[in-house]
Amino acid sequence: MTATTVPRANQREHILDEALKLMSAQGSAGMSMRQLAMACGVQVAAIYHYFPSKEALLQSVFEERRYATRLAEEEDLVPIPSDGTVAERLRAVFEKFWNGMLGEEEVIRLLLGEALRNQPYALPTGTALLEVFRAGVHALVTQHVPELEQTDTATELFIAQIFAGFIRHIFDPATDTDVIAAELADTLVAALVP
């Protein structure tokens, strides 16, 4: 493929999309700007036109792509039935959030990897994302399962189950994500519903 310097109307977004794919597969340290330019079909200078450094590119992948906002908006996509038992509604809330998290798998993998490598730009982004998770889960639990007495405890257990499941999904990719979600939801229900 021959690189071009002709800008596209959505060139910045295209670069961010390709960067996410490459970085989630290799980590930011494993991806070179030259490799990204080749994947985008542009000159390396075009990448640096939009992003002065790899760090700026990675920050843009996290911040400009609005992953936290999209996860928070997941709440509106699938309704939770209001006539189910407490256990059924808690399972439905868990599955909704789990599916939203899986929808953002590339960025979550990238963020976890960068945080584990102590990349300074990943830590504040991860902290902010965790707060979005916490607020979103708390709102969903409060709205759809108001019978739970300790919503703060329920929220923390819920988030722990989500991350435990995500780690299991990474290390055990052969297990279907629906099976993982069902097992995690069962454990959550057993811990929270008398």
C-alpha atoms as a PDB file:
ATOM      1  CA  MET A   1       0.000   0.000   0.000  1.00  0.00           C
ATOM      2  CA  THR A   2       1.341   3.415  -0.897  1.00  0.00           C
ATOM      3  CA  ALA A   3       1.137   6.074   1.776  1.00  0.00           C
ATOM      4  CA  THR A   4      -0.586   9.277   0.867  1.00  0.00           C
ATOM      5  CA  THR A   5      -0.587  12.756   2.291  1.00  0.00           C
ATOM      6  CA  VAL A   6      -4.052  13.624   1.002  1.00  0.00           C
ATOM      7  CA  PRO A   7      -6.106  14.325   4.125  1.00  0.00           C
ATOM      8  CA  ARG A   8      -9.517  12.744   4.594  1.00  0.00           C
ATOM      9  CA  ALA A   9     -12.412  14.545   6.213  1.00  0.00           C
ATOM     10  CA  ASN A  10     -12.282  12.011   9.051  1.00  0.00           C
ATOM     11  CA  GLN A  11      -8.522  11.352   9.032  1.00  0.00           C
ATOM     12  CA  ARG A  12      -8.089  12.021  12.757  1.00  0.00           C
ATOM     13  CA  GLU A  13     -10.814   9.516  13.649  1.00  0.00           C
ATOM     14  CA  HIS A  14      -9.376   6.980  11.223  1.00  0.00           C
ATOM     15  CA  ILE A  15      -5.968   7.337  12.884  1.00  0.00           C
ATOM     16  CA  LEU A  16      -7.548   6.900  16.336  1.00  0.00           C
ATOM     17  CA  ASP A  17      -9.411   3.774  15.196  1.00  0.00           C
ATOM     18  CA  GLU A  18      -6.283   2.203  13.713  1.00  0.00           C
ATOM     19  CA  ALA A  19      -4.196   3.202  16.742  1.00  0.00           C
ATOM     20  CA  LEU A  20      -6.682   1.504  19.060  1.00  0.00           C
ATOM     21  CA  LYS A  21      -6.545  -1.706  17.016  1.00  0.00           C
ATOM     22  CA  LEU A  22      -2.748  -1.772  16.948  1.00  0.00           C
ATOM     23  CA  MET A  23      -2.220  -0.701  20.558  1.00  0.00           C
ATOM     24  CA  SER A  24      -4.785  -3.118  21.959  1.00  0.00           C
ATOM     25  CA  ALA A  25      -3.035  -5.949  20.120  1.00  0.00           C
ATOM     26  CA  GLN A  26       0.557  -4.900  20.906  1.00  0.00           C
ATOM     27  CA  GLY A  27       0.439  -2.271  23.650  1.00  0.00           C
ATOM     28  CA  SER A  28       1.469   1.303  22.987  1.00  0.00           C
ATOM     29  CA  ALA A  29       5.157   0.454  23.350  1.00  0.00           C
ATOM     30  CA  GLY A  30       4.846  -2.251  20.705  1.00  0.00           C
ATOM     31  CA  MET A  31       3.244   0.007  18.126  1.00  0.00           C
ATOM     32  CA  SER A  32       5.403   2.381  16.147  1.00  0.00           C
ATOM     33  CA  MET A  33       4.182   5.566  14.527  1.00  0.00           C
ATOM     34  CA  ARG A  34       5.524   4.199  11.229  1.00  0.00           C
ATOM     35  CA  GLN A  35       3.422   1.061  11.657  1.00  0.00           C
ATOM     36  CA  LEU A  36       0.376   3.197  12.401  1.00  0.00           C
ATOM     37  CA  ALA A  37       1.036   5.339   9.325  1.00  0.00           C
ATOM     38  CA  MET A  38       1.182   2.227   7.166  1.00  0.00           C
ATOM     39  CA  ALA A  39      -2.082   0.921   8.636  1.00  0.00           C
ATOM     40  CA  CYS A  40      -3.717   4.284   7.905  1.00  0.00           C
ATOM     41  CA  GLY A  41      -2.216   4.611   4.437  1.00  0.00           C
ATOM     42  CA  VAL A  42      -0.560   7.943   5.218  1.00  0.00           C
ATOM     43  CA  GLN A  43       2.926   9.353   5.724  1.00  0.00           C
ATOM     44  CA  VAL A  44       4.313   9.368   9.268  1.00  0.00           C
ATOM     45  CA  ALA A  45       4.262  13.179   9.110  1.00  0.00           C
ATOM     46  CA  ALA A  46       0.467  13.045   8.791  1.00  0.00           C
ATOM     47  CA  ILE A  47       0.247  11.185  12.099  1.00  0.00           C
ATOM     48  CA  TYR A  48       2.448  13.796  13.774  1.00  0.00           C
ATOM     49  CA  HIS A  49       0.311  16.551  12.242  1.00  0.00           C
ATOM     50  CA  TYR A  50      -2.600  15.371  14.391  1.00  0.00           C
ATOM     51  CA  PHE A  51      -0.685  13.958  17.358  1.00  0.00           C
ATOM     52  CA  PRO A  52       2.700  15.409  18.391  1.00  0.00           C
ATOM     53  CA  SER A  53       3.701  12.250  20.292  1.00  0.00           C
ATOM     54  CA  LYS A  54       2.658   8.687  20.959  1.00  0.00           C
ATOM     55  CA  GLU A  55       1.587   9.759  24.447  1.00  0.00           C
ATOM     56  CA  ALA A  56      -0.714  12.428  22.962  1.00  0.00           C
ATOM     57  CA  LEU A  57      -2.110   9.819  20.585  1.00  0.00           C
ATOM     58  CA  LEU A  58      -2.830   7.399  23.420  1.00  0.00           C
ATOM     59  CA  GLN A  59      -4.480  10.105  25.511  1.00  0.00           C
ATOM     60  CA  SER A  60      -6.659  10.978  22.525  1.00  0.00           C
ATOM     61  CA  VAL A  61      -7.627   7.330  22.053  1.00  0.00           C
ATOM     62  CA  PHE A  62      -8.918   7.288  25.630  1.00  0.00           C
ATOM     63  CA  GLU A  63     -10.400  10.774  25.863  1.00  0.00           C
ATOM     64  CA  GLU A  64     -11.666  11.750  22.427  1.00  0.00           C
ATOM     65  CA  ARG A  65     -13.278   8.430  21.589  1.00  0.00           C
ATOM     66  CA  ARG A  66     -15.661   8.882  24.564  1.00  0.00           C
ATOM     67  CA  TYR A  67     -15.490   5.302  25.816  1.00  0.00           C
ATOM     68  CA  ALA A  68     -16.551   6.267  29.317  1.00  0.00           C
ATOM     69  CA  THR A  69     -19.505   8.228  27.981  1.00  0.00           C
ATOM     70  CA  ARG A  70     -20.587   5.393  25.717  1.00  0.00           C
ATOM     71  CA  LEU A  71     -20.481   2.934  28.604  1.00  0.00           C
ATOM     72  CA  ALA A  72     -22.594   5.309  30.667  1.00  0.00           C
ATOM     73  CA  GLU A  73     -25.080   5.646  27.782  1.00  0.00           C
ATOM     74  CA  GLU A  74     -25.454   1.841  27.594  1.00  0.00           C
ATOM     75  CA  GLU A  75     -28.157   2.261  30.228  1.00  0.00           C
ATOM     76  CA  ASP A  76     -30.632   3.517  27.638  1.00  0.00           C
ATOM     77  CA  LEU A  77     -30.125   0.752  25.079  1.00  0.00           C
ATOM     78  CA  VAL A  78     -31.694  -2.275  26.768  1.00  0.00           C
ATOM     79  CA  PRO A  79     -34.641  -1.885  29.113  1.00  0.00           C
ATOM     80  CA  ILE A  80     -34.640  -3.769  32.418  1.00  0.00           C
ATOM     81  CA  PRO A  81     -37.998  -5.452  33.109  1.00  0.00           C
ATOM     82  CA  SER A  82     -39.564  -3.910  36.200  1.00  0.00           C
ATOM     83  CA  ASP A  83     -41.796  -6.880  36.994  1.00  0.00           C
ATOM     84  CA  GLY A  84     -39.077  -9.465  37.701  1.00  0.00           C
ATOM     85  CA  THR A  85     -37.844 -10.659  41.056  1.00  0.00           C
ATOM     86  CA  VAL A  86     -34.963  -8.857  42.759  1.00  0.00           C
ATOM     87  CA  ALA A  87     -32.605 -11.604  41.582  1.00  0.00           C
ATOM     88  CA  GLU A  88     -33.865 -11.409  37.979  1.00  0.00           C
ATOM     89  CA  ARG A  89     -33.515  -7.636  37.857  1.00  0.00           C
ATOM     90  CA  LEU A  90     -30.029  -7.730  39.405  1.00  0.00           C
ATOM     91  CA  ARG A  91     -28.982 -10.340  36.817  1.00  0.00           C
ATOM     92  CA  ALA A  92     -30.436  -8.188  34.013  1.00  0.00           C
ATOM     93  CA  VAL A  93     -28.552  -5.105  35.232  1.00  0.00           C
ATOM     94  CA  PHE A  94     -25.351  -7.131  35.445  1.00  0.00           C
ATOM     95  CA  GLU A  95     -25.772  -8.527  31.932  1.00  0.00           C
ATOM     96  CA  LYS A  96     -26.480  -5.065  30.528  1.00  0.00           C
ATOM     97  CA  PHE A  97     -23.334  -3.603  32.054  1.00  0.00           C
ATOM     98  CA  TRP A  98     -21.273  -6.676  31.123  1.00  0.00           C
ATOM     99  CA  ASN A  99     -22.348  -6.406  27.483  1.00  0.00           C
ATOM    100  CA  GLY A 100     -21.504  -2.697  27.474  1.00  0.00           C
ATOM    101  CA  MET A 101     -18.053  -3.479  28.817  1.00  0.00           C
ATOM    102  CA  LEU A 102     -17.517  -6.164  26.175  1.00  0.00           C
ATOM    103  CA  GLY A 103     -18.542  -3.633  23.541  1.00  0.00           C
ATOM    104  CA  GLU A 104     -15.550  -1.543  24.612  1.00  0.00           C
ATOM    105  CA  GLU A 105     -13.181  -4.496  25.012  1.00  0.00           C
ATOM    106  CA  GLU A 106     -10.345  -3.094  22.906  1.00  0.00           C
ATOM    107  CA  VAL A 107     -10.027   0.087  24.927  1.00  0.00           C
ATOM    108  CA  ILE A 108     -10.439  -1.696  28.275  1.00  0.00           C
ATOM    109  CA  ARG A 109      -7.678  -4.141  27.333  1.00  0.00           C
ATOM    110  CA  LEU A 110      -5.458  -1.289  26.232  1.00  0.00           C
ATOM    111  CA  LEU A 111      -6.118   0.746  29.361  1.00  0.00           C
ATOM    112  CA  LEU A 112      -5.465  -2.232  31.657  1.00  0.00           C
ATOM    113  CA  GLY A 113      -2.230  -3.047  29.833  1.00  0.00           C
ATOM    114  CA  GLU A 114      -0.972   0.525  29.933  1.00  0.00           C
ATOM    115  CA  ALA A 115      -1.865   0.859  33.623  1.00  0.00           C
ATOM    116  CA  LEU A 116      -0.062  -2.398  34.437  1.00  0.00           C
ATOM    117  CA  ARG A 117       3.014  -0.981  32.692  1.00  0.00           C
ATOM    118  CA  ASN A 118       2.694   2.139  34.912  1.00  0.00           C
ATOM    119  CA  GLN A 119       2.207   4.472  31.974  1.00  0.00           C
ATOM    120  CA  PRO A 120       1.460   7.823  33.650  1.00  0.00           C
ATOM    121  CA  TYR A 121      -1.213   8.882  31.152  1.00  0.00           C
ATOM    122  CA  ALA A 122      -3.193   5.645  31.698  1.00  0.00           C
ATOM    123  CA  LEU A 123      -3.618   6.011  35.451  1.00  0.00           C
ATOM    124  CA  PRO A 124      -5.769   9.179  35.561  1.00  0.00           C
ATOM    125  CA  THR A 125      -7.833   7.920  32.634  1.00  0.00           C
ATOM    126  CA  GLY A 126      -8.362   4.585  34.370  1.00  0.00           C
ATOM    127  CA  THR A 127      -9.337   6.309  37.595  1.00  0.00           C
ATOM    128  CA  ALA A 128     -11.859   8.468  35.742  1.00  0.00           C
ATOM    129  CA  LEU A 129     -13.256   5.431  33.924  1.00  0.00           C
ATOM    130  CA  LEU A 130     -13.609   3.551  37.205  1.00  0.00           C
ATOM    131  CA  GLU A 131     -15.585   6.471  38.651  1.00  0.00           C
ATOM    132  CA  VAL A 132     -17.868   6.410  35.593  1.00  0.00           C
ATOM    133  CA  PHE A 133     -18.372   2.670  36.153  1.00  0.00           C
ATOM    134  CA  ARG A 134     -19.106   3.225  39.830  1.00  0.00           C
ATOM    135  CA  ALA A 135     -21.628   5.999  39.173  1.00  0.00           C
ATOM    136  CA  GLY A 136     -23.273   4.070  36.337  1.00  0.00           C
ATOM    137  CA  VAL A 137     -23.600   0.849  38.322  1.00  0.00           C
ATOM    138  CA  HIS A 138     -24.876   2.707  41.382  1.00  0.00           C
ATOM    139  CA  ALA A 139     -27.530   4.459  39.286  1.00  0.00           C
ATOM    140  CA  LEU A 140     -28.607   1.221  37.590  1.00  0.00           C
ATOM    141  CA  VAL A 141     -28.808  -0.703  40.865  1.00  0.00           C
ATOM    142  CA  THR A 142     -30.661   2.116  42.641  1.00  0.00           C
ATOM    143  CA  GLN A 143     -33.124   2.495  39.775  1.00  0.00           C
ATOM    144  CA  HIS A 144     -33.797  -1.144  38.946  1.00  0.00           C
ATOM    145  CA  VAL A 145     -33.170  -2.955  42.237  1.00  0.00           C
ATOM    146  CA  PRO A 146     -34.187  -0.438  44.932  1.00  0.00           C
ATOM    147  CA  GLU A 147     -34.887  -3.274  47.388  1.00  0.00           C
ATOM    148  CA  LEU A 148     -31.172  -3.780  47.955  1.00  0.00           C
ATOM    149  CA  GLU A 149     -30.406  -2.128  51.257  1.00  0.00           C
ATOM    150  CA  GLN A 150     -26.694  -1.485  50.853  1.00  0.00           C
ATOM    151  CA  THR A 151     -26.367  -0.013  47.369  1.00  0.00           C
ATOM    152  CA  ASP A 152     -22.770   1.138  47.931  1.00  0.00           C
ATOM    153  CA  THR A 153     -21.719  -2.403  48.877  1.00  0.00           C
ATOM    154  CA  ALA A 154     -23.738  -3.810  45.975  1.00  0.00           C
ATOM    155  CA  THR A 155     -21.998  -1.380  43.611  1.00  0.00           C
ATOM    156  CA  GLU A 156     -18.521  -2.396  44.768  1.00  0.00           C
ATOM    157  CA  LEU A 157     -19.315  -6.119  44.525  1.00  0.00           C
ATOM    158  CA  PHE A 158     -20.842  -5.557  41.095  1.00  0.00           C
ATOM    159  CA  ILE A 159     -17.720  -3.785  39.814  1.00  0.00           C
ATOM    160  CA  ALA A 160     -15.476  -6.461  41.319  1.00  0.00           C
ATOM    161  CA  GLN A 161     -17.475  -9.132  39.484  1.00  0.00           C
ATOM    162  CA  ILE A 162     -17.281  -7.202  36.206  1.00  0.00           C
ATOM    163  CA  PHE A 163     -13.502  -6.934  36.416  1.00  0.00           C
ATOM    164  CA  ALA A 164     -13.084 -10.530  37.615  1.00  0.00           C
ATOM    165  CA  GLY A 165     -15.110 -11.628  34.611  1.00  0.00           C
ATOM    166  CA  PHE A 166     -13.141  -9.478  32.241  1.00  0.00           C
ATOM    167  CA  ILE A 167      -9.862 -10.926  33.529  1.00  0.00           C
ATOM    168  CA  ARG A 168     -11.297 -14.428  33.191  1.00  0.00           C
ATOM    169  CA  HIS A 169     -12.367 -13.603  29.631  1.00  0.00           C
ATOM    170  CA  ILE A 170      -8.811 -12.481  28.814  1.00  0.00           C
ATOM    171  CA  PHE A 171      -7.170 -15.596  30.276  1.00  0.00           C
ATOM    172  CA  ASP A 172      -9.875 -18.077  29.275  1.00  0.00           C
ATOM    173  CA  PRO A 173     -11.045 -16.914  25.842  1.00  0.00           C
ATOM    174  CA  ALA A 174     -12.526 -20.332  25.023  1.00  0.00           C
ATOM    175  CA  THR A 175     -15.284 -19.860  27.596  1.00  0.00           C
ATOM    176  CA  ASP A 176     -18.296 -18.111  26.132  1.00  0.00           C
ATOM    177  CA  THR A 177     -18.807 -14.623  27.567  1.00  0.00           C
ATOM    178  CA  ASP A 178     -22.492 -15.399  28.251  1.00  0.00           C
ATOM    179  CA  VAL A 179     -21.418 -18.334  30.438  1.00  0.00           C
ATOM    180  CA  ILE A 180     -18.976 -16.111  32.304  1.00  0.00           C
ATOM    181  CA  ALA A 181     -21.656 -13.441  32.799  1.00  0.00           C
ATOM    182  CA  ALA A 182     -24.217 -15.969  34.074  1.00  0.00           C
ATOM    183  CA  GLU A 183     -21.777 -17.438  36.611  1.00  0.00           C
ATOM    184  CA  LEU A 184     -20.736 -13.989  37.834  1.00  0.00           C
ATOM    185  CA  ALA A 185     -24.350 -12.823  38.085  1.00  0.00           C
ATOM    186  CA  ASP A 186     -25.239 -15.948  40.086  1.00  0.00           C
ATOM    187  CA  THR A 187     -22.416 -15.204  42.545  1.00  0.00           C
ATOM    188  CA  LEU A 188     -23.513 -11.558  42.795  1.00  0.00           C
ATOM    189  CA  VAL A 189     -27.121 -12.548  43.454  1.00  0.00           C
ATOM    190  CA  ALA A 190     -26.050 -15.119  46.081  1.00  0.00           C
ATOM    191  CA  ALA A 191     -24.023 -12.428  47.894  1.00  0.00           C
ATOM    192  CA  LEU A 192     -26.653  -9.666  47.758  1.00  0.00           C
ATOM    193  CA  VAL A 193     -30.119 -11.236  47.717  1.00  0.00           C
ATOM    194  CA  PRO A 194     -31.248 -12.944  50.914  1.00  0.00           C
END
